[in-house]
Amino acid sequence: MTKRQISQIHLSGGQSRRSMLQSAAVLLSAPFVAKATGAWAQEKLAGSGEVVVFSYGGSFTEGIRRFVYEPFTKATGIKVVDVVSDLAEPQVKAMHQAGRVDWDIAYIVVQNYPQCMSWNVCAS
């Protein structure tokens, strides 16, 4: 076999040697792109305000605060303000109807998610 014939041999799945090398190059560059993008985002978002988050209170809020909010604030400089209440869904609906949204994020009970989707207040 000549070099030309060897380079034209297709790998399993119909990929050529060239496409396999291109795929490998893309995969190997992904960590560098992700790191650069993360650094850029962190730089742009650093210290830019606050995020208001609804939570249920008690040990749930304590855990979220300790393991999510505090590391997030430390990494980005964005303050997390947690608002405690019994249920988010009725208040989310009222805020939506009033055109005044006070919370950026709310934990929704999974059983109520379809209802929130019908109100057009939940992201999918």
PDB file of N, CA and C in Angstrom:
ATOM      1  N   MET A   1       0.828  -1.183   0.000  1.00  0.00           N
ATOM      2  CA  MET A   1       0.000   0.000   0.000  1.00  0.00           C
ATOM      3  C   MET A   1       0.871   1.245   0.000  1.00  0.00           C
ATOM      4  N   THR A   2       0.416   2.250  -0.717  1.00  0.00           N
ATOM      5  CA  THR A   2       1.135   3.514  -0.744  1.00  0.00           C
ATOM      6  C   THR A   2       0.626   4.403   0.388  1.00  0.00           C
ATOM      7  N   LYS A   3       1.358   5.490   0.636  1.00  0.00           N
ATOM      8  CA  LYS A   3       0.929   6.432   1.673  1.00  0.00           C
ATOM      9  C   LYS A   3      -0.446   7.002   1.346  1.00  0.00           C
ATOM     10  N   ARG A   4      -0.670   7.263   0.069  1.00  0.00           N
ATOM     11  CA  ARG A   4      -1.954   7.827  -0.354  1.00  0.00           C
ATOM     12  C   ARG A   4      -3.091   6.859  -0.042  1.00  0.00           C
ATOM     13  N   GLN A   5      -2.880   5.587  -0.310  1.00  0.00           N
ATOM     14  CA  GLN A   5      -3.917   4.597  -0.040  1.00  0.00           C
ATOM     15  C   GLN A   5      -4.179   4.484   1.462  1.00  0.00           C
ATOM     16  N   ILE A   6      -3.129   4.535   2.245  1.00  0.00           N
ATOM     17  CA  ILE A   6      -3.288   4.449   3.701  1.00  0.00           C
ATOM     18  C   ILE A   6      -4.072   5.647   4.226  1.00  0.00           C
ATOM     19  N   SER A   7      -3.785   6.845   3.712  1.00  0.00           N
ATOM     20  CA  SER A   7      -4.475   8.037   4.196  1.00  0.00           C
ATOM     21  C   SER A   7      -5.934   8.061   3.771  1.00  0.00           C
ATOM     22  N   GLN A   8      -6.292   7.281   2.760  1.00  0.00           N
ATOM     23  CA  GLN A   8      -7.675   7.254   2.299  1.00  0.00           C
ATOM     24  C   GLN A   8      -8.499   6.173   2.985  1.00  0.00           C
ATOM     25  N   ILE A   9      -7.859   5.347   3.801  1.00  0.00           N
ATOM     26  CA  ILE A   9      -8.602   4.315   4.519  1.00  0.00           C
ATOM     27  C   ILE A   9      -9.510   4.994   5.542  1.00  0.00           C
ATOM     28  N   HIS A  10     -10.752   4.594   5.527  1.00  0.00           N
ATOM     29  CA  HIS A  10     -11.716   5.174   6.463  1.00  0.00           C
ATOM     30  C   HIS A  10     -11.781   4.341   7.726  1.00  0.00           C
ATOM     31  N   LEU A  11     -11.894   5.041   8.838  1.00  0.00           N
ATOM     32  CA  LEU A  11     -12.054   4.364  10.117  1.00  0.00           C
ATOM     33  C   LEU A  11     -13.490   3.889  10.254  1.00  0.00           C
ATOM     34  N   SER A  12     -13.750   3.068  11.232  1.00  0.00           N
ATOM     35  CA  SER A  12     -15.123   2.587  11.441  1.00  0.00           C
ATOM     36  C   SER A  12     -16.048   3.769  11.663  1.00  0.00           C
ATOM     37  N   GLY A  13     -17.269   3.673  11.175  1.00  0.00           N
ATOM     38  CA  GLY A  13     -18.221   4.767  11.289  1.00  0.00           C
ATOM     39  C   GLY A  13     -18.137   5.718  10.122  1.00  0.00           C
ATOM     40  N   GLY A  14     -17.288   5.454   9.152  1.00  0.00           N
ATOM     41  CA  GLY A  14     -17.209   6.280   7.960  1.00  0.00           C
ATOM     42  C   GLY A  14     -16.384   7.540   8.120  1.00  0.00           C
ATOM     43  N   GLN A  15     -15.643   7.678   9.194  1.00  0.00           N
ATOM     44  CA  GLN A  15     -14.816   8.868   9.374  1.00  0.00           C
ATOM     45  C   GLN A  15     -13.470   8.671   8.704  1.00  0.00           C
ATOM     46  N   SER A  16     -12.993   9.729   8.084  1.00  0.00           N
ATOM     47  CA  SER A  16     -11.665   9.676   7.487  1.00  0.00           C
ATOM     48  C   SER A  16     -10.626  10.026   8.543  1.00  0.00           C
ATOM     49  N   ARG A  17      -9.405   9.796   8.214  1.00  0.00           N
ATOM     50  CA  ARG A  17      -8.309  10.127   9.123  1.00  0.00           C
ATOM     51  C   ARG A  17      -8.300  11.625   9.403  1.00  0.00           C
ATOM     52  N   ARG A  18      -8.563  12.417   8.378  1.00  0.00           N
ATOM     53  CA  ARG A  18      -8.566  13.876   8.522  1.00  0.00           C
ATOM     54  C   ARG A  18      -9.671  14.331   9.482  1.00  0.00           C
ATOM     55  N   SER A  19     -10.876  13.790   9.308  1.00  0.00           N
ATOM     56  CA  SER A  19     -11.970  14.210  10.190  1.00  0.00           C
ATOM     57  C   SER A  19     -11.721  13.764  11.626  1.00  0.00           C
ATOM     58  N   MET A  20     -11.070  12.617  11.781  1.00  0.00           N
ATOM     59  CA  MET A  20     -10.727  12.137  13.120  1.00  0.00           C
ATOM     60  C   MET A  20      -9.720  13.079  13.781  1.00  0.00           C
ATOM     61  N   LEU A  21      -8.731  13.546  13.036  1.00  0.00           N
ATOM     62  CA  LEU A  21      -7.742  14.484  13.570  1.00  0.00           C
ATOM     63  C   LEU A  21      -8.383  15.833  13.898  1.00  0.00           C
ATOM     64  N   GLN A  22      -9.314  16.276  13.046  1.00  0.00           N
ATOM     65  CA  GLN A  22     -10.009  17.534  13.320  1.00  0.00           C
ATOM     66  C   GLN A  22     -10.833  17.428  14.604  1.00  0.00           C
ATOM     67  N   SER A  23     -11.522  16.311  14.769  1.00  0.00           N
ATOM     68  CA  SER A  23     -12.312  16.098  15.985  1.00  0.00           C
ATOM     69  C   SER A  23     -11.425  16.086  17.221  1.00  0.00           C
ATOM     70  N   ALA A  24     -10.286  15.436  17.116  1.00  0.00           N
ATOM     71  CA  ALA A  24      -9.350  15.378  18.238  1.00  0.00           C
ATOM     72  C   ALA A  24      -8.843  16.775  18.591  1.00  0.00           C
ATOM     73  N   ALA A  25      -8.561  17.584  17.576  1.00  0.00           N
ATOM     74  CA  ALA A  25      -8.076  18.944  17.815  1.00  0.00           C
ATOM     75  C   ALA A  25      -9.129  19.779  18.539  1.00  0.00           C
ATOM     76  N   VAL A  26     -10.380  19.629  18.130  1.00  0.00           N
ATOM     77  CA  VAL A  26     -11.466  20.369  18.776  1.00  0.00           C
ATOM     78  C   VAL A  26     -11.604  19.943  20.234  1.00  0.00           C
ATOM     79  N   LEU A  27     -11.590  18.641  20.475  1.00  0.00           N
ATOM     80  CA  LEU A  27     -11.725  18.139  21.844  1.00  0.00           C
ATOM     81  C   LEU A  27     -10.571  18.580  22.733  1.00  0.00           C
ATOM     82  N   LEU A  28      -9.374  18.591  22.192  1.00  0.00           N
ATOM     83  CA  LEU A  28      -8.213  18.991  22.988  1.00  0.00           C
ATOM     84  C   LEU A  28      -8.201  20.485  23.283  1.00  0.00           C
ATOM     85  N   SER A  29      -8.831  21.293  22.432  1.00  0.00           N
ATOM     86  CA  SER A  29      -8.845  22.739  22.668  1.00  0.00           C
ATOM     87  C   SER A  29      -9.982  23.166  23.590  1.00  0.00           C
ATOM     88  N   ALA A  30     -10.973  22.308  23.805  1.00  0.00           N
ATOM     89  CA  ALA A  30     -12.144  22.662  24.614  1.00  0.00           C
ATOM     90  C   ALA A  30     -11.796  23.155  26.021  1.00  0.00           C
ATOM     91  N   PRO A  31     -10.893  22.500  26.759  1.00  0.00           N
ATOM     92  CA  PRO A  31     -10.582  23.000  28.107  1.00  0.00           C
ATOM     93  C   PRO A  31     -10.010  24.415  28.111  1.00  0.00           C
ATOM     94  N   PHE A  32      -9.231  24.764  27.092  1.00  0.00           N
ATOM     95  CA  PHE A  32      -8.649  26.100  27.030  1.00  0.00           C
ATOM     96  C   PHE A  32      -9.721  27.150  26.759  1.00  0.00           C
ATOM     97  N   VAL A  33     -10.658  26.825  25.882  1.00  0.00           N
ATOM     98  CA  VAL A  33     -11.754  27.739  25.577  1.00  0.00           C
ATOM     99  C   VAL A  33     -12.640  27.914  26.805  1.00  0.00           C
ATOM    100  N   ALA A  34     -12.961  26.815  27.477  1.00  0.00           N
ATOM    101  CA  ALA A  34     -13.812  26.882  28.670  1.00  0.00           C
ATOM    102  C   ALA A  34     -13.162  27.714  29.765  1.00  0.00           C
ATOM    103  N   LYS A  35     -11.871  27.526  29.971  1.00  0.00           N
ATOM    104  CA  LYS A  35     -11.168  28.277  31.012  1.00  0.00           C
ATOM    105  C   LYS A  35     -11.144  29.765  30.680  1.00  0.00           C
ATOM    106  N   ALA A  36     -10.874  30.102  29.428  1.00  0.00           N
ATOM    107  CA  ALA A  36     -10.832  31.501  29.016  1.00  0.00           C
ATOM    108  C   ALA A  36     -12.207  32.141  29.139  1.00  0.00           C
ATOM    109  N   THR A  37     -13.251  31.422  28.748  1.00  0.00           N
ATOM    110  CA  THR A  37     -14.610  31.938  28.838  1.00  0.00           C
ATOM    111  C   THR A  37     -15.012  32.149  30.290  1.00  0.00           C
ATOM    112  N   GLY A  38     -14.677  31.193  31.155  1.00  0.00           N
ATOM    113  CA  GLY A  38     -14.992  31.319  32.574  1.00  0.00           C
ATOM    114  C   GLY A  38     -14.297  32.513  33.199  1.00  0.00           C
ATOM    115  N   ALA A  39     -13.042  32.720  32.851  1.00  0.00           N
ATOM    116  CA  ALA A  39     -12.290  33.854  33.384  1.00  0.00           C
ATOM    117  C   ALA A  39     -12.891  35.169  32.895  1.00  0.00           C
ATOM    118  N   TRP A  40     -13.284  35.211  31.619  1.00  0.00           N
ATOM    119  CA  TRP A  40     -13.888  36.416  31.068  1.00  0.00           C
ATOM    120  C   TRP A  40     -15.200  36.715  31.780  1.00  0.00           C
ATOM    121  N   ALA A  41     -16.048  35.682  31.961  1.00  0.00           N
ATOM    122  CA  ALA A  41     -17.343  35.872  32.617  1.00  0.00           C
ATOM    123  C   ALA A  41     -17.156  36.325  34.056  1.00  0.00           C
ATOM    124  N   GLN A  42     -16.211  35.712  34.749  1.00  0.00           N
ATOM    125  CA  GLN A  42     -15.968  36.074  36.141  1.00  0.00           C
ATOM    126  C   GLN A  42     -15.507  37.524  36.231  1.00  0.00           C
ATOM    127  N   GLU A  43     -14.660  37.948  35.299  1.00  0.00           N
ATOM    128  CA  GLU A  43     -14.171  39.321  35.291  1.00  0.00           C
ATOM    129  C   GLU A  43     -15.311  40.296  35.012  1.00  0.00           C
ATOM    130  N   LYS A  44     -16.182  39.972  34.063  1.00  0.00           N
ATOM    131  CA  LYS A  44     -17.281  40.863  33.702  1.00  0.00           C
ATOM    132  C   LYS A  44     -18.345  40.950  34.799  1.00  0.00           C
ATOM    133  N   LEU A  45     -18.580  39.851  35.520  1.00  0.00           N
ATOM    134  CA  LEU A  45     -19.623  39.818  36.535  1.00  0.00           C
ATOM    135  C   LEU A  45     -19.143  40.202  37.925  1.00  0.00           C
ATOM    136  N   ALA A  46     -17.866  40.287  38.119  1.00  0.00           N
ATOM    137  CA  ALA A  46     -17.310  40.510  39.452  1.00  0.00           C
ATOM    138  C   ALA A  46     -17.903  41.753  40.102  1.00  0.00           C
ATOM    139  N   GLY A  47     -18.508  41.544  41.270  1.00  0.00           N
ATOM    140  CA  GLY A  47     -19.002  42.653  42.062  1.00  0.00           C
ATOM    141  C   GLY A  47     -20.170  43.413  41.478  1.00  0.00           C
ATOM    142  N   SER A  48     -20.901  42.827  40.544  1.00  0.00           N
ATOM    143  CA  SER A  48     -21.960  43.591  39.892  1.00  0.00           C
ATOM    144  C   SER A  48     -23.330  43.336  40.513  1.00  0.00           C
ATOM    145  N   GLY A  49     -23.525  43.791  41.745  1.00  0.00           N
ATOM    146  CA  GLY A  49     -24.845  43.771  42.340  1.00  0.00           C
ATOM    147  C   GLY A  49     -25.168  42.580  43.203  1.00  0.00           C
ATOM    148  N   GLU A  50     -26.450  42.197  43.119  1.00  0.00           N
ATOM    149  CA  GLU A  50     -26.931  41.128  43.970  1.00  0.00           C
ATOM    150  C   GLU A  50     -27.969  40.285  43.243  1.00  0.00           C
ATOM    151  N   VAL A  51     -28.201  39.103  43.780  1.00  0.00           N
ATOM    152  CA  VAL A  51     -29.209  38.182  43.268  1.00  0.00           C
ATOM    153  C   VAL A  51     -30.140  37.863  44.431  1.00  0.00           C
ATOM    154  N   VAL A  52     -31.445  38.000  44.214  1.00  0.00           N
ATOM    155  CA  VAL A  52     -32.432  37.713  45.252  1.00  0.00           C
ATOM    156  C   VAL A  52     -33.009  36.328  44.984  1.00  0.00           C
ATOM    157  N   VAL A  53     -32.895  35.446  45.992  1.00  0.00           N
ATOM    158  CA  VAL A  53     -33.291  34.051  45.837  1.00  0.00           C
ATOM    159  C   VAL A  53     -34.287  33.670  46.928  1.00  0.00           C
ATOM    160  N   PHE A  54     -35.421  33.071  46.518  1.00  0.00           N
ATOM    161  CA  PHE A  54     -36.389  32.539  47.464  1.00  0.00           C
ATOM    162  C   PHE A  54     -35.905  31.185  47.955  1.00  0.00           C
ATOM    163  N   SER A  55     -36.105  30.908  49.249  1.00  0.00           N
ATOM    164  CA  SER A  55     -35.850  29.566  49.781  1.00  0.00           C
ATOM    165  C   SER A  55     -36.829  29.294  50.918  1.00  0.00           C
ATOM    166  N   TYR A  56     -36.851  28.041  51.383  1.00  0.00           N
ATOM    167  CA  TYR A  56     -37.841  27.591  52.360  1.00  0.00           C
ATOM    168  C   TYR A  56     -37.460  27.855  53.809  1.00  0.00           C
ATOM    169  N   GLY A  57     -36.237  28.277  54.067  1.00  0.00           N
ATOM    170  CA  GLY A  57     -35.815  28.537  55.433  1.00  0.00           C
ATOM    171  C   GLY A  57     -35.271  27.303  56.122  1.00  0.00           C
ATOM    172  N   GLY A  58     -34.951  27.447  57.395  1.00  0.00           N
ATOM    173  CA  GLY A  58     -34.459  26.332  58.198  1.00  0.00           C
ATOM    174  C   GLY A  58     -33.140  25.766  57.711  1.00  0.00           C
ATOM    175  N   SER A  59     -32.986  24.457  57.882  1.00  0.00           N
ATOM    176  CA  SER A  59     -31.727  23.800  57.515  1.00  0.00           C
ATOM    177  C   SER A  59     -31.497  23.825  56.008  1.00  0.00           C
ATOM    178  N   PHE A  60     -32.589  23.873  55.224  1.00  0.00           N
ATOM    179  CA  PHE A  60     -32.452  23.973  53.770  1.00  0.00           C
ATOM    180  C   PHE A  60     -31.696  25.245  53.402  1.00  0.00           C
ATOM    181  N   THR A  61     -32.167  26.370  53.931  1.00  0.00           N
ATOM    182  CA  THR A  61     -31.530  27.651  53.623  1.00  0.00           C
ATOM    183  C   THR A  61     -30.123  27.723  54.201  1.00  0.00           C
ATOM    184  N   GLU A  62     -29.931  27.191  55.399  1.00  0.00           N
ATOM    185  CA  GLU A  62     -28.590  27.194  55.996  1.00  0.00           C
ATOM    186  C   GLU A  62     -27.598  26.439  55.113  1.00  0.00           C
ATOM    187  N   GLY A  63     -28.005  25.278  54.615  1.00  0.00           N
ATOM    188  CA  GLY A  63     -27.132  24.487  53.748  1.00  0.00           C
ATOM    189  C   GLY A  63     -26.848  25.170  52.429  1.00  0.00           C
ATOM    190  N   ILE A  64     -27.886  25.712  51.805  1.00  0.00           N
ATOM    191  CA  ILE A  64     -27.716  26.421  50.530  1.00  0.00           C
ATOM    192  C   ILE A  64     -26.819  27.637  50.725  1.00  0.00           C
ATOM    193  N   ARG A  65     -27.038  28.341  51.812  1.00  0.00           N
ATOM    194  CA  ARG A  65     -26.230  29.536  52.093  1.00  0.00           C
ATOM    195  C   ARG A  65     -24.753  29.160  52.245  1.00  0.00           C
ATOM    196  N   ARG A  66     -24.503  28.105  53.017  1.00  0.00           N
ATOM    197  CA  ARG A  66     -23.115  27.715  53.312  1.00  0.00           C
ATOM    198  C   ARG A  66     -22.389  27.121  52.102  1.00  0.00           C
ATOM    199  N   PHE A  67     -23.073  26.245  51.368  1.00  0.00           N
ATOM    200  CA  PHE A  67     -22.392  25.506  50.308  1.00  0.00           C
ATOM    201  C   PHE A  67     -22.588  26.067  48.905  1.00  0.00           C
ATOM    202  N   VAL A  68     -23.525  27.004  48.739  1.00  0.00           N
ATOM    203  CA  VAL A  68     -23.753  27.571  47.410  1.00  0.00           C
ATOM    204  C   VAL A  68     -23.566  29.086  47.409  1.00  0.00           C
ATOM    205  N   TYR A  69     -24.347  29.798  48.230  1.00  0.00           N
ATOM    206  CA  TYR A  69     -24.327  31.255  48.183  1.00  0.00           C
ATOM    207  C   TYR A  69     -22.973  31.845  48.569  1.00  0.00           C
ATOM    208  N   GLU A  70     -22.414  31.401  49.694  1.00  0.00           N
ATOM    209  CA  GLU A  70     -21.139  31.965  50.153  1.00  0.00           C
ATOM    210  C   GLU A  70     -20.000  31.712  49.160  1.00  0.00           C
ATOM    211  N   PRO A  71     -19.829  30.480  48.640  1.00  0.00           N
ATOM    212  CA  PRO A  71     -18.778  30.282  47.633  1.00  0.00           C
ATOM    213  C   PRO A  71     -19.028  31.095  46.359  1.00  0.00           C
ATOM    214  N   PHE A  72     -20.302  31.233  45.964  1.00  0.00           N
ATOM    215  CA  PHE A  72     -20.638  32.022  44.782  1.00  0.00           C
ATOM    216  C   PHE A  72     -20.249  33.482  44.987  1.00  0.00           C
ATOM    217  N   THR A  73     -20.609  34.042  46.148  1.00  0.00           N
ATOM    218  CA  THR A  73     -20.272  35.434  46.446  1.00  0.00           C
ATOM    219  C   THR A  73     -18.763  35.626  46.499  1.00  0.00           C
ATOM    220  N   LYS A  74     -18.070  34.677  47.103  1.00  0.00           N
ATOM    221  CA  LYS A  74     -16.612  34.765  47.188  1.00  0.00           C
ATOM    222  C   LYS A  74     -15.979  34.730  45.798  1.00  0.00           C
ATOM    223  N   ALA A  75     -16.507  33.899  44.906  1.00  0.00           N
ATOM    224  CA  ALA A  75     -15.931  33.749  43.567  1.00  0.00           C
ATOM    225  C   ALA A  75     -16.267  34.908  42.641  1.00  0.00           C
ATOM    226  N   THR A  76     -17.457  35.506  42.797  1.00  0.00           N
ATOM    227  CA  THR A  76     -17.898  36.515  41.834  1.00  0.00           C
ATOM    228  C   THR A  76     -18.024  37.921  42.393  1.00  0.00           C
ATOM    229  N   GLY A  77     -18.166  38.045  43.714  1.00  0.00           N
ATOM    230  CA  GLY A  77     -18.412  39.352  44.306  1.00  0.00           C
ATOM    231  C   GLY A  77     -19.880  39.746  44.270  1.00  0.00           C
ATOM    232  N   ILE A  78     -20.734  38.881  43.724  1.00  0.00           N
ATOM    233  CA  ILE A  78     -22.169  39.151  43.658  1.00  0.00           C
ATOM    234  C   ILE A  78     -22.817  38.663  44.949  1.00  0.00           C
ATOM    235  N   LYS A  79     -23.508  39.562  45.626  1.00  0.00           N
ATOM    236  CA  LYS A  79     -24.157  39.226  46.891  1.00  0.00           C
ATOM    237  C   LYS A  79     -25.445  38.442  46.622  1.00  0.00           C
ATOM    238  N   VAL A  80     -25.680  37.398  47.413  1.00  0.00           N
ATOM    239  CA  VAL A  80     -26.918  36.621  47.321  1.00  0.00           C
ATOM    240  C   VAL A  80     -27.790  36.977  48.518  1.00  0.00           C
ATOM    241  N   VAL A  81     -28.975  37.493  48.239  1.00  0.00           N
ATOM    242  CA  VAL A  81     -29.940  37.839  49.277  1.00  0.00           C
ATOM    243  C   VAL A  81     -31.008  36.757  49.264  1.00  0.00           C
ATOM    244  N   ASP A  82     -31.150  36.033  50.383  1.00  0.00           N
ATOM    245  CA  ASP A  82     -32.172  34.991  50.407  1.00  0.00           C
ATOM    246  C   ASP A  82     -33.420  35.478  51.130  1.00  0.00           C
ATOM    247  N   VAL A  83     -34.559  35.188  50.518  1.00  0.00           N
ATOM    248  CA  VAL A  83     -35.867  35.548  51.038  1.00  0.00           C
ATOM    249  C   VAL A  83     -36.545  34.251  51.448  1.00  0.00           C
ATOM    250  N   VAL A  84     -37.071  34.195  52.665  1.00  0.00           N
ATOM    251  CA  VAL A  84     -37.663  32.966  53.190  1.00  0.00           C
ATOM    252  C   VAL A  84     -39.188  33.090  53.217  1.00  0.00           C
ATOM    253  N   SER A  85     -39.849  32.016  52.772  1.00  0.00           N
ATOM    254  CA  SER A  85     -41.307  31.964  52.777  1.00  0.00           C
ATOM    255  C   SER A  85     -41.748  30.507  52.751  1.00  0.00           C
ATOM    256  N   ASP A  86     -43.060  30.266  52.885  1.00  0.00           N
ATOM    257  CA  ASP A  86     -43.579  28.897  52.866  1.00  0.00           C
ATOM    258  C   ASP A  86     -43.573  28.305  51.460  1.00  0.00           C
ATOM    259  N   LEU A  87     -44.269  28.939  50.546  1.00  0.00           N
ATOM    260  CA  LEU A  87     -44.368  28.456  49.171  1.00  0.00           C
ATOM    261  C   LEU A  87     -44.043  29.576  48.201  1.00  0.00           C
ATOM    262  N   ALA A  88     -43.340  29.259  47.167  1.00  0.00           N
ATOM    263  CA  ALA A  88     -42.961  30.263  46.186  1.00  0.00           C
ATOM    264  C   ALA A  88     -44.033  30.480  45.130  1.00  0.00           C
ATOM    265  N   GLU A  89     -44.727  29.414  44.745  1.00  0.00           N
ATOM    266  CA  GLU A  89     -45.590  29.454  43.575  1.00  0.00           C
ATOM    267  C   GLU A  89     -46.658  30.554  43.607  1.00  0.00           C
ATOM    268  N   PRO A  90     -47.449  30.700  44.692  1.00  0.00           N
ATOM    269  CA  PRO A  90     -48.463  31.764  44.698  1.00  0.00           C
ATOM    270  C   PRO A  90     -47.847  33.160  44.600  1.00  0.00           C
ATOM    271  N   GLN A  91     -46.716  33.344  45.245  1.00  0.00           N
ATOM    272  CA  GLN A  91     -46.065  34.655  45.207  1.00  0.00           C
ATOM    273  C   GLN A  91     -45.442  34.932  43.842  1.00  0.00           C
ATOM    274  N   VAL A  92     -44.901  33.896  43.212  1.00  0.00           N
ATOM    275  CA  VAL A  92     -44.344  34.058  41.867  1.00  0.00           C
ATOM    276  C   VAL A  92     -45.450  34.470  40.901  1.00  0.00           C
ATOM    277  N   LYS A  93     -46.602  33.817  41.011  1.00  0.00           N
ATOM    278  CA  LYS A  93     -47.735  34.155  40.140  1.00  0.00           C
ATOM    279  C   LYS A  93     -48.187  35.594  40.382  1.00  0.00           C
ATOM    280  N   ALA A  94     -48.297  35.998  41.651  1.00  0.00           N
ATOM    281  CA  ALA A  94     -48.728  37.361  41.977  1.00  0.00           C
ATOM    282  C   ALA A  94     -47.736  38.398  41.453  1.00  0.00           C
ATOM    283  N   MET A  95     -46.444  38.122  41.600  1.00  0.00           N
ATOM    284  CA  MET A  95     -45.425  39.048  41.080  1.00  0.00           C
ATOM    285  C   MET A  95     -45.544  39.178  39.567  1.00  0.00           C
ATOM    286  N   HIS A  96     -45.752  38.041  38.906  1.00  0.00           N
ATOM    287  CA  HIS A  96     -45.878  38.045  37.446  1.00  0.00           C
ATOM    288  C   HIS A  96     -47.099  38.850  37.010  1.00  0.00           C
ATOM    289  N   GLN A  97     -48.230  38.638  37.672  1.00  0.00           N
ATOM    290  CA  GLN A  97     -49.457  39.351  37.316  1.00  0.00           C
ATOM    291  C   GLN A  97     -49.343  40.845  37.585  1.00  0.00           C
ATOM    292  N   ALA A  98     -48.633  41.206  38.645  1.00  0.00           N
ATOM    293  CA  ALA A  98     -48.465  42.620  38.991  1.00  0.00           C
ATOM    294  C   ALA A  98     -47.406  43.305  38.126  1.00  0.00           C
ATOM    295  N   GLY A  99     -46.614  42.509  37.418  1.00  0.00           N
ATOM    296  CA  GLY A  99     -45.545  43.086  36.602  1.00  0.00           C
ATOM    297  C   GLY A  99     -44.374  43.577  37.436  1.00  0.00           C
ATOM    298  N   ARG A 100     -44.277  43.077  38.644  1.00  0.00           N
ATOM    299  CA  ARG A 100     -43.193  43.482  39.548  1.00  0.00           C
ATOM    300  C   ARG A 100     -42.529  42.228  40.106  1.00  0.00           C
ATOM    301  N   VAL A 101     -41.368  41.921  39.625  1.00  0.00           N
ATOM    302  CA  VAL A 101     -40.660  40.717  40.049  1.00  0.00           C
ATOM    303  C   VAL A 101     -39.628  41.091  41.101  1.00  0.00           C
ATOM    304  N   ASP A 102     -39.791  40.535  42.302  1.00  0.00           N
ATOM    305  CA  ASP A 102     -38.882  40.834  43.407  1.00  0.00           C
ATOM    306  C   ASP A 102     -37.779  39.795  43.565  1.00  0.00           C
ATOM    307  N   TRP A 103     -38.001  38.592  43.053  1.00  0.00           N
ATOM    308  CA  TRP A 103     -37.029  37.505  43.192  1.00  0.00           C
ATOM    309  C   TRP A 103     -36.409  37.193  41.841  1.00  0.00           C
ATOM    310  N   ASP A 104     -35.121  36.937  41.850  1.00  0.00           N
ATOM    311  CA  ASP A 104     -34.448  36.497  40.627  1.00  0.00           C
ATOM    312  C   ASP A 104     -34.570  34.989  40.443  1.00  0.00           C
ATOM    313  N   ILE A 105     -34.554  34.251  41.552  1.00  0.00           N
ATOM    314  CA  ILE A 105     -34.605  32.786  41.520  1.00  0.00           C
ATOM    315  C   ILE A 105     -35.543  32.314  42.620  1.00  0.00           C
ATOM    316  N   ALA A 106     -36.336  31.282  42.314  1.00  0.00           N
ATOM    317  CA  ALA A 106     -37.215  30.677  43.319  1.00  0.00           C
ATOM    318  C   ALA A 106     -37.176  29.167  43.158  1.00  0.00           C
ATOM    319  N   TYR A 107     -37.124  28.471  44.272  1.00  0.00           N
ATOM    320  CA  TYR A 107     -37.202  27.008  44.248  1.00  0.00           C
ATOM    321  C   TYR A 107     -38.672  26.624  44.151  1.00  0.00           C
ATOM    322  N   ILE A 108     -39.009  25.884  43.111  1.00  0.00           N
ATOM    323  CA  ILE A 108     -40.388  25.479  42.854  1.00  0.00           C
ATOM    324  C   ILE A 108     -40.542  23.995  43.169  1.00  0.00           C
ATOM    325  N   VAL A 109     -41.629  23.640  43.855  1.00  0.00           N
ATOM    326  CA  VAL A 109     -41.920  22.235  44.134  1.00  0.00           C
ATOM    327  C   VAL A 109     -42.208  21.545  42.805  1.00  0.00           C
ATOM    328  N   VAL A 110     -41.596  20.397  42.585  1.00  0.00           N
ATOM    329  CA  VAL A 110     -41.669  19.728  41.288  1.00  0.00           C
ATOM    330  C   VAL A 110     -43.107  19.457  40.839  1.00  0.00           C
ATOM    331  N   GLN A 111     -43.998  19.164  41.758  1.00  0.00           N
ATOM    332  CA  GLN A 111     -45.391  18.905  41.395  1.00  0.00           C
ATOM    333  C   GLN A 111     -46.078  20.153  40.835  1.00  0.00           C
ATOM    334  N   ASN A 112     -45.602  21.329  41.214  1.00  0.00           N
ATOM    335  CA  ASN A 112     -46.216  22.583  40.773  1.00  0.00           C
ATOM    336  C   ASN A 112     -45.568  23.167  39.521  1.00  0.00           C
ATOM    337  N   TYR A 113     -44.531  22.531  39.042  1.00  0.00           N
ATOM    338  CA  TYR A 113     -43.814  23.065  37.881  1.00  0.00           C
ATOM    339  C   TYR A 113     -44.707  23.179  36.643  1.00  0.00           C
ATOM    340  N   PRO A 114     -45.509  22.153  36.293  1.00  0.00           N
ATOM    341  CA  PRO A 114     -46.377  22.295  35.114  1.00  0.00           C
ATOM    342  C   PRO A 114     -47.342  23.477  35.235  1.00  0.00           C
ATOM    343  N   GLN A 115     -47.858  23.703  36.442  1.00  0.00           N
ATOM    344  CA  GLN A 115     -48.759  24.832  36.651  1.00  0.00           C
ATOM    345  C   GLN A 115     -48.019  26.154  36.432  1.00  0.00           C
ATOM    346  N   CYS A 116     -46.803  26.256  36.940  1.00  0.00           N
ATOM    347  CA  CYS A 116     -46.006  27.472  36.740  1.00  0.00           C
ATOM    348  C   CYS A 116     -45.699  27.692  35.260  1.00  0.00           C
ATOM    349  N   MET A 117     -45.454  26.607  34.548  1.00  0.00           N
ATOM    350  CA  MET A 117     -45.214  26.720  33.103  1.00  0.00           C
ATOM    351  C   MET A 117     -46.456  27.276  32.403  1.00  0.00           C
ATOM    352  N   SER A 118     -47.644  26.862  32.840  1.00  0.00           N
ATOM    353  CA  SER A 118     -48.882  27.356  32.218  1.00  0.00           C
ATOM    354  C   SER A 118     -49.090  28.845  32.503  1.00  0.00           C
ATOM    355  N   TRP A 119     -48.515  29.346  33.589  1.00  0.00           N
ATOM    356  CA  TRP A 119     -48.585  30.773  33.901  1.00  0.00           C
ATOM    357  C   TRP A 119     -47.513  31.570  33.165  1.00  0.00           C
ATOM    358  N   ASN A 120     -46.607  30.889  32.482  1.00  0.00           N
ATOM    359  CA  ASN A 120     -45.474  31.519  31.780  1.00  0.00           C
ATOM    360  C   ASN A 120     -44.530  32.235  32.738  1.00  0.00           C
ATOM    361  N   VAL A 121     -44.298  31.633  33.899  1.00  0.00           N
ATOM    362  CA  VAL A 121     -43.400  32.251  34.872  1.00  0.00           C
ATOM    363  C   VAL A 121     -42.153  31.421  35.144  1.00  0.00           C
ATOM    364  N   CYS A 122     -42.074  30.213  34.602  1.00  0.00           N
ATOM    365  CA  CYS A 122     -40.921  29.341  34.838  1.00  0.00           C
ATOM    366  C   CYS A 122     -40.134  29.146  33.553  1.00  0.00           C
ATOM    367  N   ALA A 123     -38.833  29.109  33.696  1.00  0.00           N
ATOM    368  CA  ALA A 123     -37.979  28.818  32.545  1.00  0.00           C
ATOM    369  C   ALA A 123     -37.897  27.314  32.367  1.00  0.00           C
ATOM    370  N   SER A 124     -37.847  26.891  31.124  1.00  0.00           N
ATOM    371  CA  SER A 124     -37.731  25.445  30.886  1.00  0.00           C
ATOM    372  C   SER A 124     -36.315  25.064  30.560  1.00  0.00           C
TER     373      SER A 124
END
